[in-house]
Amino acid sequence: MKISTVTLLGLAVLFSASANADESLTLGGSIGYVNIENDDPGFDFDANDTGYKFFANYTFSSNLAIEGGYVDFGSPEDIVGGLPGEIDASGWNIYGVGNIPLSDDVNVFAKAGVVAWEADSSIDGFLVDTDDGTDLALGFGARWNSSESFGIRAEVDWFDIDEADSIWMASVGFELRF
């Protein structure tokens, strides 16, 4: 996985921001429904599986955060050319996150960033393609803070991976704030 100099410089600027009373570090995880669709004539694929992710989120103010993490898209299976096919994919992502507090306990958020991914495609148990790349990732969701240090989060993420027509994940998870 390659991380560009611009990304590293951006992170350095964000993490060197002055102290703010709204700053917090959040660690969390989610599990959910993943859909991978590909209409390529050689590998026509549309299947679902269970995926999961782990993330760290650094909040600078009540409205701005940066988030990075790992996502596993599961191993969805479909029939490809009359044979069982499978895609095993995962990635690392980084997002800029905008938060809108609706109350003291509830907020909604939207995020935009990139995912550095890897995928293995198999037909009838034989590896037919290994690919990787870095592409656009978008998401939105809501969180409920049940206490100062614990929250529940629901979100939808979409990944604009060039080699697939559609990859998205709907998940529910938890957050621990420090």
N, C-alpha and C. Protein backbone atom coordinates (compact mmCIF):
# COMPACT_ATOMS: atom_id res chain seq x y z
N MET A 1 0.84 -1.17 0.00
CA MET A 1 0.00 0.00 0.00
C MET A 1 0.89 1.24 0.00
N LYS A 2 0.58 2.20 -0.86
CA LYS A 2 1.33 3.43 -0.94
C LYS A 2 0.54 4.54 -0.26
N ILE A 3 1.22 5.35 0.54
CA ILE A 3 0.60 6.53 1.14
C ILE A 3 1.37 7.72 0.60
N SER A 4 0.65 8.63 -0.03
CA SER A 4 1.31 9.75 -0.69
C SER A 4 1.85 10.75 0.33
N THR A 5 2.83 11.53 -0.12
CA THR A 5 3.42 12.57 0.71
C THR A 5 2.37 13.61 1.09
N VAL A 6 1.45 13.92 0.16
CA VAL A 6 0.40 14.89 0.45
C VAL A 6 -0.48 14.39 1.59
N THR A 7 -0.83 13.10 1.58
CA THR A 7 -1.65 12.53 2.65
C THR A 7 -0.92 12.64 3.98
N LEU A 8 0.36 12.29 4.00
CA LEU A 8 1.13 12.36 5.24
C LEU A 8 1.25 13.79 5.75
N LEU A 9 1.47 14.73 4.85
CA LEU A 9 1.55 16.14 5.26
C LEU A 9 0.20 16.62 5.79
N GLY A 10 -0.89 16.21 5.13
CA GLY A 10 -2.22 16.58 5.60
C GLY A 10 -2.49 16.06 7.00
N LEU A 11 -2.09 14.82 7.25
CA LEU A 11 -2.26 14.24 8.59
C LEU A 11 -1.44 15.00 9.62
N ALA A 12 -0.22 15.36 9.26
CA ALA A 12 0.64 16.09 10.19
C ALA A 12 0.02 17.44 10.55
N VAL A 13 -0.53 18.14 9.57
CA VAL A 13 -1.17 19.43 9.83
C VAL A 13 -2.39 19.24 10.72
N LEU A 14 -3.21 18.24 10.42
CA LEU A 14 -4.41 18.01 11.22
C LEU A 14 -4.07 17.64 12.66
N PHE A 15 -3.08 16.77 12.85
CA PHE A 15 -2.74 16.33 14.20
C PHE A 15 -1.96 17.38 14.98
N SER A 16 -1.47 18.41 14.31
CA SER A 16 -0.76 19.46 15.04
C SER A 16 -1.68 20.64 15.35
N ALA A 17 -2.97 20.49 15.11
CA ALA A 17 -3.93 21.56 15.41
C ALA A 17 -3.89 21.89 16.90
N SER A 18 -4.23 23.12 17.23
CA SER A 18 -4.19 23.53 18.63
C SER A 18 -5.24 22.79 19.45
N ALA A 19 -5.01 22.73 20.75
CA ALA A 19 -5.91 22.00 21.65
C ALA A 19 -7.29 22.63 21.65
N ASN A 20 -8.30 21.79 21.76
CA ASN A 20 -9.68 22.22 21.73
C ASN A 20 -10.45 21.38 22.75
N ALA A 21 -11.38 21.98 23.45
CA ALA A 21 -12.15 21.24 24.47
C ALA A 21 -12.96 20.11 23.87
N ASP A 22 -13.29 20.18 22.57
CA ASP A 22 -14.09 19.15 21.91
C ASP A 22 -13.24 18.01 21.36
N GLU A 23 -11.93 18.05 21.53
CA GLU A 23 -11.06 17.01 20.99
C GLU A 23 -11.28 15.70 21.71
N SER A 24 -11.26 14.60 20.94
CA SER A 24 -11.36 13.28 21.54
C SER A 24 -10.83 12.23 20.58
N LEU A 25 -10.41 11.12 21.14
CA LEU A 25 -9.98 9.96 20.37
C LEU A 25 -11.04 8.89 20.56
N THR A 26 -11.47 8.29 19.47
CA THR A 26 -12.48 7.24 19.50
C THR A 26 -11.93 6.00 18.81
N LEU A 27 -12.11 4.84 19.42
CA LEU A 27 -11.79 3.56 18.81
C LEU A 27 -13.09 2.78 18.70
N GLY A 28 -13.25 2.03 17.61
CA GLY A 28 -14.50 1.32 17.46
C GLY A 28 -14.44 0.20 16.45
N GLY A 29 -15.55 -0.47 16.33
CA GLY A 29 -15.69 -1.56 15.38
C GLY A 29 -17.13 -1.69 14.95
N SER A 30 -17.33 -2.23 13.76
CA SER A 30 -18.68 -2.42 13.21
C SER A 30 -18.74 -3.74 12.47
N ILE A 31 -19.93 -4.27 12.35
CA ILE A 31 -20.19 -5.47 11.56
C ILE A 31 -21.42 -5.19 10.72
N GLY A 32 -21.45 -5.73 9.50
CA GLY A 32 -22.61 -5.43 8.67
C GLY A 32 -22.67 -6.19 7.37
N TYR A 33 -23.55 -5.73 6.54
CA TYR A 33 -23.91 -6.31 5.26
C TYR A 33 -23.05 -5.68 4.16
N VAL A 34 -22.40 -6.51 3.35
CA VAL A 34 -21.57 -6.03 2.24
C VAL A 34 -22.16 -6.54 0.94
N ASN A 35 -22.18 -5.68 -0.09
CA ASN A 35 -22.58 -6.09 -1.43
C ASN A 35 -21.46 -5.74 -2.39
N ILE A 36 -21.06 -6.72 -3.20
CA ILE A 36 -20.07 -6.50 -4.26
C ILE A 36 -20.73 -6.88 -5.57
N GLU A 37 -20.71 -5.94 -6.52
CA GLU A 37 -21.31 -6.18 -7.83
C GLU A 37 -20.30 -5.85 -8.92
N ASN A 38 -20.20 -6.73 -9.92
CA ASN A 38 -19.31 -6.53 -11.05
C ASN A 38 -19.98 -7.09 -12.29
N ASP A 39 -20.19 -6.24 -13.31
CA ASP A 39 -20.85 -6.68 -14.54
C ASP A 39 -19.87 -7.00 -15.65
N ASP A 40 -18.61 -7.22 -15.33
CA ASP A 40 -17.60 -7.59 -16.33
C ASP A 40 -18.03 -8.90 -16.99
N PRO A 41 -18.03 -8.97 -18.34
CA PRO A 41 -18.46 -10.20 -19.01
C PRO A 41 -17.65 -11.44 -18.60
N GLY A 42 -16.40 -11.26 -18.24
CA GLY A 42 -15.57 -12.39 -17.84
C GLY A 42 -15.74 -12.79 -16.38
N PHE A 43 -16.35 -11.90 -15.57
CA PHE A 43 -16.53 -12.18 -14.15
C PHE A 43 -17.77 -11.45 -13.66
N ASP A 44 -18.94 -11.84 -14.19
CA ASP A 44 -20.22 -11.25 -13.80
C ASP A 44 -20.56 -11.72 -12.39
N PHE A 45 -20.67 -10.78 -11.45
CA PHE A 45 -20.73 -11.13 -10.03
C PHE A 45 -21.64 -10.17 -9.29
N ASP A 46 -22.53 -10.68 -8.47
CA ASP A 46 -23.38 -9.86 -7.61
C ASP A 46 -23.72 -10.68 -6.38
N ALA A 47 -23.05 -10.41 -5.27
CA ALA A 47 -23.24 -11.24 -4.07
C ALA A 47 -23.06 -10.40 -2.81
N ASN A 48 -23.54 -10.96 -1.71
CA ASN A 48 -23.51 -10.31 -0.40
C ASN A 48 -22.79 -11.20 0.59
N ASP A 49 -22.25 -10.57 1.62
CA ASP A 49 -21.64 -11.32 2.72
C ASP A 49 -21.62 -10.41 3.95
N THR A 50 -21.14 -10.95 5.04
CA THR A 50 -20.96 -10.17 6.26
C THR A 50 -19.54 -9.62 6.27
N GLY A 51 -19.41 -8.32 6.51
CA GLY A 51 -18.11 -7.68 6.60
C GLY A 51 -17.95 -7.04 7.97
N TYR A 52 -16.74 -6.60 8.24
CA TYR A 52 -16.48 -5.92 9.51
C TYR A 52 -15.41 -4.87 9.31
N LYS A 53 -15.32 -3.96 10.28
CA LYS A 53 -14.27 -2.94 10.23
C LYS A 53 -13.91 -2.49 11.63
N PHE A 54 -12.69 -2.01 11.74
CA PHE A 54 -12.17 -1.39 12.96
C PHE A 54 -11.68 -0.01 12.58
N PHE A 55 -11.86 0.96 13.47
CA PHE A 55 -11.48 2.33 13.11
C PHE A 55 -11.00 3.10 14.33
N ALA A 56 -10.24 4.15 14.04
CA ALA A 56 -9.84 5.15 15.02
C ALA A 56 -10.27 6.49 14.46
N ASN A 57 -10.83 7.33 15.30
CA ASN A 57 -11.37 8.62 14.89
C ASN A 57 -10.83 9.67 15.85
N TYR A 58 -10.23 10.72 15.29
CA TYR A 58 -9.77 11.83 16.12
C TYR A 58 -10.63 13.04 15.81
N THR A 59 -11.37 13.52 16.80
CA THR A 59 -12.28 14.65 16.64
C THR A 59 -11.56 15.93 17.07
N PHE A 60 -11.56 16.93 16.18
CA PHE A 60 -10.91 18.21 16.45
C PHE A 60 -11.88 19.21 17.07
N SER A 61 -13.14 19.13 16.67
CA SER A 61 -14.18 20.02 17.17
C SER A 61 -15.49 19.26 17.08
N SER A 62 -16.58 19.87 17.48
CA SER A 62 -17.86 19.18 17.39
C SER A 62 -18.26 18.90 15.95
N ASN A 63 -17.57 19.53 14.96
CA ASN A 63 -17.95 19.36 13.57
C ASN A 63 -16.90 18.72 12.66
N LEU A 64 -15.68 18.48 13.14
CA LEU A 64 -14.62 18.01 12.24
C LEU A 64 -13.80 16.90 12.88
N ALA A 65 -13.55 15.85 12.09
CA ALA A 65 -12.74 14.73 12.58
C ALA A 65 -11.98 14.11 11.41
N ILE A 66 -11.02 13.28 11.74
CA ILE A 66 -10.32 12.45 10.77
C ILE A 66 -10.45 11.02 11.26
N GLU A 67 -10.65 10.09 10.33
CA GLU A 67 -10.87 8.70 10.71
C GLU A 67 -10.07 7.79 9.80
N GLY A 68 -9.47 6.78 10.37
CA GLY A 68 -8.75 5.77 9.60
C GLY A 68 -9.08 4.40 10.14
N GLY A 69 -8.95 3.40 9.27
CA GLY A 69 -9.25 2.06 9.76
C GLY A 69 -9.05 0.98 8.74
N TYR A 70 -9.45 -0.21 9.14
CA TYR A 70 -9.36 -1.41 8.33
C TYR A 70 -10.76 -1.92 8.05
N VAL A 71 -11.03 -2.34 6.82
CA VAL A 71 -12.32 -2.91 6.46
C VAL A 71 -12.10 -4.25 5.76
N ASP A 72 -12.88 -5.25 6.17
CA ASP A 72 -12.88 -6.56 5.53
C ASP A 72 -14.25 -6.73 4.88
N PHE A 73 -14.26 -6.89 3.56
CA PHE A 73 -15.51 -6.99 2.81
C PHE A 73 -16.09 -8.40 2.81
N GLY A 74 -15.54 -9.28 3.61
CA GLY A 74 -16.03 -10.66 3.64
C GLY A 74 -15.53 -11.41 2.41
N SER A 75 -16.21 -12.51 2.10
CA SER A 75 -15.87 -13.33 0.92
C SER A 75 -17.16 -13.73 0.21
N PRO A 76 -17.85 -12.76 -0.42
CA PRO A 76 -19.10 -13.08 -1.10
C PRO A 76 -18.89 -14.11 -2.21
N GLU A 77 -19.89 -14.97 -2.39
CA GLU A 77 -19.83 -16.03 -3.40
C GLU A 77 -21.00 -15.90 -4.36
N ASP A 78 -20.74 -16.17 -5.65
CA ASP A 78 -21.77 -16.14 -6.69
C ASP A 78 -21.38 -17.17 -7.76
N ILE A 79 -22.31 -17.48 -8.65
CA ILE A 79 -22.01 -18.37 -9.77
C ILE A 79 -21.46 -17.52 -10.91
N VAL A 80 -20.28 -17.88 -11.38
CA VAL A 80 -19.59 -17.15 -12.44
C VAL A 80 -19.35 -18.13 -13.59
N GLY A 81 -20.03 -17.90 -14.71
CA GLY A 81 -19.86 -18.81 -15.85
C GLY A 81 -20.24 -20.25 -15.52
N GLY A 82 -21.22 -20.42 -14.66
CA GLY A 82 -21.67 -21.76 -14.28
C GLY A 82 -20.87 -22.41 -13.17
N LEU A 83 -19.84 -21.73 -12.66
CA LEU A 83 -18.99 -22.28 -11.60
C LEU A 83 -19.04 -21.37 -10.37
N PRO A 84 -18.77 -21.92 -9.18
CA PRO A 84 -18.77 -21.07 -7.98
C PRO A 84 -17.61 -20.07 -8.02
N GLY A 85 -17.94 -18.80 -7.79
CA GLY A 85 -16.93 -17.75 -7.75
C GLY A 85 -16.94 -17.05 -6.41
N GLU A 86 -15.80 -16.45 -6.07
CA GLU A 86 -15.67 -15.78 -4.77
C GLU A 86 -14.73 -14.59 -4.92
N ILE A 87 -15.05 -13.52 -4.23
CA ILE A 87 -14.15 -12.36 -4.13
C ILE A 87 -13.83 -12.16 -2.66
N ASP A 88 -12.54 -12.15 -2.34
CA ASP A 88 -12.06 -11.92 -0.98
C ASP A 88 -11.34 -10.58 -0.99
N ALA A 89 -11.92 -9.56 -0.35
CA ALA A 89 -11.36 -8.21 -0.44
C ALA A 89 -11.29 -7.55 0.93
N SER A 90 -10.30 -6.67 1.08
CA SER A 90 -10.14 -5.89 2.31
C SER A 90 -9.38 -4.62 1.97
N GLY A 91 -9.31 -3.69 2.92
CA GLY A 91 -8.59 -2.46 2.66
C GLY A 91 -8.38 -1.62 3.90
N TRP A 92 -7.53 -0.63 3.74
CA TRP A 92 -7.26 0.39 4.76
C TRP A 92 -7.80 1.70 4.23
N ASN A 93 -8.45 2.49 5.09
CA ASN A 93 -9.04 3.73 4.62
C ASN A 93 -8.71 4.89 5.54
N ILE A 94 -8.87 6.09 4.97
CA ILE A 94 -8.72 7.32 5.74
C ILE A 94 -9.76 8.31 5.21
N TYR A 95 -10.44 8.98 6.14
CA TYR A 95 -11.53 9.89 5.80
C TYR A 95 -11.38 11.22 6.54
N GLY A 96 -11.89 12.27 5.92
CA GLY A 96 -12.23 13.49 6.61
C GLY A 96 -13.70 13.36 6.97
N VAL A 97 -14.08 13.71 8.19
CA VAL A 97 -15.45 13.49 8.66
C VAL A 97 -16.06 14.81 9.12
N GLY A 98 -17.26 15.10 8.63
CA GLY A 98 -18.03 16.25 9.10
C GLY A 98 -19.17 15.77 9.98
N ASN A 99 -19.28 16.33 11.18
CA ASN A 99 -20.31 15.95 12.15
C ASN A 99 -21.32 17.08 12.32
N ILE A 100 -22.59 16.72 12.46
CA ILE A 100 -23.63 17.69 12.80
C ILE A 100 -24.34 17.19 14.06
N PRO A 101 -24.10 17.83 15.20
CA PRO A 101 -24.80 17.42 16.43
C PRO A 101 -26.28 17.78 16.33
N LEU A 102 -27.15 16.80 16.59
CA LEU A 102 -28.59 17.04 16.62
C LEU A 102 -29.08 17.28 18.04
N SER A 103 -28.34 16.74 19.01
CA SER A 103 -28.62 16.93 20.43
C SER A 103 -27.33 16.61 21.17
N ASP A 104 -27.37 16.61 22.50
CA ASP A 104 -26.18 16.26 23.27
C ASP A 104 -25.77 14.80 23.05
N ASP A 105 -26.73 13.95 22.70
CA ASP A 105 -26.46 12.52 22.59
C ASP A 105 -26.46 11.97 21.17
N VAL A 106 -26.98 12.71 20.20
CA VAL A 106 -27.13 12.19 18.84
C VAL A 106 -26.47 13.14 17.84
N ASN A 107 -25.73 12.58 16.90
CA ASN A 107 -25.24 13.38 15.78
C ASN A 107 -25.23 12.54 14.51
N VAL A 108 -25.22 13.23 13.39
CA VAL A 108 -25.11 12.60 12.08
C VAL A 108 -23.77 13.01 11.50
N PHE A 109 -23.26 12.20 10.59
CA PHE A 109 -21.96 12.51 10.00
C PHE A 109 -21.92 12.08 8.55
N ALA A 110 -21.02 12.71 7.82
CA ALA A 110 -20.69 12.32 6.44
C ALA A 110 -19.18 12.30 6.35
N LYS A 111 -18.66 11.41 5.51
CA LYS A 111 -17.21 11.31 5.41
C LYS A 111 -16.80 11.05 3.97
N ALA A 112 -15.61 11.54 3.63
CA ALA A 112 -15.05 11.35 2.30
C ALA A 112 -13.57 11.07 2.46
N GLY A 113 -13.07 10.12 1.67
CA GLY A 113 -11.66 9.77 1.77
C GLY A 113 -11.25 8.78 0.70
N VAL A 114 -10.27 7.97 1.05
CA VAL A 114 -9.76 6.97 0.11
C VAL A 114 -9.64 5.62 0.82
N VAL A 115 -9.70 4.57 0.01
CA VAL A 115 -9.48 3.21 0.50
C VAL A 115 -8.36 2.59 -0.34
N ALA A 116 -7.36 2.03 0.33
CA ALA A 116 -6.29 1.26 -0.33
C ALA A 116 -6.68 -0.20 -0.13
N TRP A 117 -7.05 -0.88 -1.21
CA TRP A 117 -7.67 -2.19 -1.12
C TRP A 117 -6.86 -3.27 -1.84
N GLU A 118 -7.16 -4.51 -1.48
CA GLU A 118 -6.62 -5.69 -2.15
C GLU A 118 -7.77 -6.66 -2.33
N ALA A 119 -7.79 -7.39 -3.46
CA ALA A 119 -8.86 -8.35 -3.71
C ALA A 119 -8.31 -9.56 -4.46
N ASP A 120 -8.79 -10.73 -4.07
CA ASP A 120 -8.50 -11.98 -4.77
C ASP A 120 -9.82 -12.51 -5.32
N SER A 121 -9.84 -12.85 -6.61
CA SER A 121 -11.02 -13.43 -7.25
C SER A 121 -10.73 -14.88 -7.59
N SER A 122 -11.66 -15.76 -7.23
CA SER A 122 -11.49 -17.19 -7.48
C SER A 122 -12.70 -17.74 -8.21
N ILE A 123 -12.47 -18.71 -9.07
CA ILE A 123 -13.54 -19.47 -9.73
C ILE A 123 -13.26 -20.94 -9.48
N ASP A 124 -14.26 -21.62 -8.94
CA ASP A 124 -14.18 -23.05 -8.64
C ASP A 124 -12.96 -23.37 -7.77
N GLY A 125 -12.64 -22.46 -6.84
CA GLY A 125 -11.54 -22.68 -5.91
C GLY A 125 -10.17 -22.30 -6.44
N PHE A 126 -10.08 -21.86 -7.71
CA PHE A 126 -8.79 -21.49 -8.30
C PHE A 126 -8.68 -19.98 -8.40
N LEU A 127 -7.59 -19.44 -7.91
CA LEU A 127 -7.34 -18.01 -7.97
C LEU A 127 -7.20 -17.59 -9.43
N VAL A 128 -8.04 -16.65 -9.88
CA VAL A 128 -7.98 -16.19 -11.27
C VAL A 128 -7.49 -14.76 -11.40
N ASP A 129 -7.51 -14.00 -10.29
CA ASP A 129 -7.04 -12.62 -10.37
C ASP A 129 -6.74 -12.10 -8.97
N THR A 130 -5.67 -11.35 -8.86
CA THR A 130 -5.31 -10.61 -7.65
C THR A 130 -5.12 -9.17 -8.08
N ASP A 131 -5.77 -8.26 -7.38
CA ASP A 131 -5.71 -6.86 -7.78
C ASP A 131 -5.65 -5.98 -6.53
N ASP A 132 -5.19 -4.75 -6.71
CA ASP A 132 -5.18 -3.78 -5.63
C ASP A 132 -5.25 -2.39 -6.21
N GLY A 133 -5.50 -1.42 -5.36
CA GLY A 133 -5.57 -0.05 -5.82
C GLY A 133 -5.94 0.88 -4.68
N THR A 134 -6.04 2.15 -5.01
CA THR A 134 -6.47 3.18 -4.07
C THR A 134 -7.56 3.98 -4.76
N ASP A 135 -8.74 4.04 -4.13
CA ASP A 135 -9.89 4.67 -4.76
C ASP A 135 -10.72 5.45 -3.74
N LEU A 136 -11.69 6.20 -4.27
CA LEU A 136 -12.58 7.03 -3.47
C LEU A 136 -13.45 6.20 -2.54
N ALA A 137 -13.66 6.71 -1.32
CA ALA A 137 -14.57 6.09 -0.36
C ALA A 137 -15.43 7.20 0.27
N LEU A 138 -16.74 6.96 0.34
CA LEU A 138 -17.68 7.91 0.92
C LEU A 138 -18.56 7.20 1.94
N GLY A 139 -19.09 7.94 2.89
CA GLY A 139 -19.99 7.33 3.86
C GLY A 139 -20.82 8.36 4.58
N PHE A 140 -21.88 7.87 5.22
CA PHE A 140 -22.71 8.71 6.07
C PHE A 140 -23.32 7.83 7.16
N GLY A 141 -23.72 8.46 8.25
CA GLY A 141 -24.30 7.67 9.33
C GLY A 141 -24.76 8.53 10.49
N ALA A 142 -25.08 7.85 11.58
CA ALA A 142 -25.53 8.51 12.80
C ALA A 142 -24.94 7.78 13.99
N ARG A 143 -24.77 8.53 15.08
CA ARG A 143 -24.27 7.90 16.31
C ARG A 143 -25.09 8.39 17.49
N TRP A 144 -25.26 7.49 18.43
CA TRP A 144 -25.94 7.80 19.69
C TRP A 144 -24.94 7.58 20.81
N ASN A 145 -24.69 8.62 21.57
CA ASN A 145 -23.75 8.55 22.69
C ASN A 145 -24.51 8.15 23.94
N SER A 146 -24.41 6.89 24.33
CA SER A 146 -25.13 6.42 25.51
C SER A 146 -24.47 6.87 26.81
N SER A 147 -23.19 7.26 26.72
CA SER A 147 -22.47 7.83 27.86
C SER A 147 -21.33 8.68 27.31
N GLU A 148 -20.54 9.29 28.18
CA GLU A 148 -19.42 10.09 27.71
C GLU A 148 -18.36 9.26 27.02
N SER A 149 -18.28 7.97 27.35
CA SER A 149 -17.20 7.15 26.80
C SER A 149 -17.68 6.03 25.87
N PHE A 150 -19.00 5.86 25.68
CA PHE A 150 -19.49 4.77 24.83
C PHE A 150 -20.59 5.27 23.91
N GLY A 151 -20.55 4.81 22.66
CA GLY A 151 -21.57 5.18 21.69
C GLY A 151 -21.89 4.03 20.76
N ILE A 152 -23.05 4.12 20.13
CA ILE A 152 -23.48 3.16 19.12
C ILE A 152 -23.58 3.90 17.80
N ARG A 153 -23.16 3.25 16.73
CA ARG A 153 -23.03 3.91 15.44
C ARG A 153 -23.64 3.04 14.35
N ALA A 154 -24.37 3.66 13.43
CA ALA A 154 -24.90 2.98 12.25
C ALA A 154 -24.48 3.80 11.04
N GLU A 155 -24.02 3.13 9.98
CA GLU A 155 -23.54 3.88 8.83
C GLU A 155 -23.59 3.06 7.55
N VAL A 156 -23.47 3.78 6.44
CA VAL A 156 -23.37 3.17 5.12
C VAL A 156 -22.11 3.73 4.47
N ASP A 157 -21.27 2.85 3.93
CA ASP A 157 -20.06 3.25 3.22
C ASP A 157 -20.14 2.75 1.78
N TRP A 158 -19.66 3.58 0.86
CA TRP A 158 -19.63 3.23 -0.56
C TRP A 158 -18.19 3.39 -1.04
N PHE A 159 -17.72 2.43 -1.81
CA PHE A 159 -16.34 2.41 -2.28
C PHE A 159 -16.35 2.42 -3.80
N ASP A 160 -15.73 3.43 -4.41
CA ASP A 160 -15.71 3.59 -5.87
C ASP A 160 -14.49 2.88 -6.44
N ILE A 161 -14.46 1.57 -6.30
CA ILE A 161 -13.33 0.78 -6.76
C ILE A 161 -13.49 0.53 -8.26
N ASP A 162 -12.49 0.98 -9.04
CA ASP A 162 -12.57 0.92 -10.50
C ASP A 162 -12.87 -0.48 -11.03
N GLU A 163 -12.34 -1.51 -10.40
CA GLU A 163 -12.46 -2.86 -10.91
C GLU A 163 -13.82 -3.49 -10.59
N ALA A 164 -14.70 -2.80 -9.88
CA ALA A 164 -16.04 -3.30 -9.56
C ALA A 164 -17.06 -2.22 -9.87
N ASP A 165 -18.27 -2.63 -10.19
CA ASP A 165 -19.32 -1.65 -10.46
C ASP A 165 -19.86 -1.03 -9.19
N SER A 166 -19.93 -1.80 -8.11
CA SER A 166 -20.50 -1.29 -6.87
C SER A 166 -20.00 -2.11 -5.69
N ILE A 167 -19.49 -1.43 -4.69
CA ILE A 167 -19.16 -2.06 -3.41
C ILE A 167 -19.66 -1.13 -2.31
N TRP A 168 -20.51 -1.66 -1.45
CA TRP A 168 -20.99 -0.86 -0.34
C TRP A 168 -21.20 -1.74 0.87
N MET A 169 -21.25 -1.07 2.03
CA MET A 169 -21.38 -1.76 3.31
C MET A 169 -22.31 -0.97 4.22
N ALA A 170 -23.31 -1.64 4.78
CA ALA A 170 -24.19 -1.06 5.80
C ALA A 170 -23.85 -1.76 7.11
N SER A 171 -23.50 -0.98 8.15
CA SER A 171 -23.01 -1.62 9.37
C SER A 171 -23.52 -0.92 10.63
N VAL A 172 -23.44 -1.66 11.72
CA VAL A 172 -23.77 -1.16 13.06
C VAL A 172 -22.61 -1.53 13.96
N GLY A 173 -22.22 -0.61 14.83
CA GLY A 173 -21.08 -0.90 15.68
C GLY A 173 -21.06 -0.06 16.94
N PHE A 174 -19.90 -0.05 17.57
CA PHE A 174 -19.72 0.64 18.84
C PHE A 174 -18.54 1.59 18.75
N GLU A 175 -18.50 2.53 19.67
CA GLU A 175 -17.39 3.48 19.79
C GLU A 175 -17.00 3.60 21.26
N LEU A 176 -15.70 3.63 21.52
CA LEU A 176 -15.17 3.91 22.85
C LEU A 176 -14.39 5.21 22.75
N ARG A 177 -14.77 6.22 23.53
CA ARG A 177 -14.12 7.53 23.48
C ARG A 177 -13.18 7.72 24.66
N PHE A 178 -12.05 8.36 24.37
CA PHE A 178 -11.04 8.62 25.40
C PHE A 178 -10.78 10.11 25.50
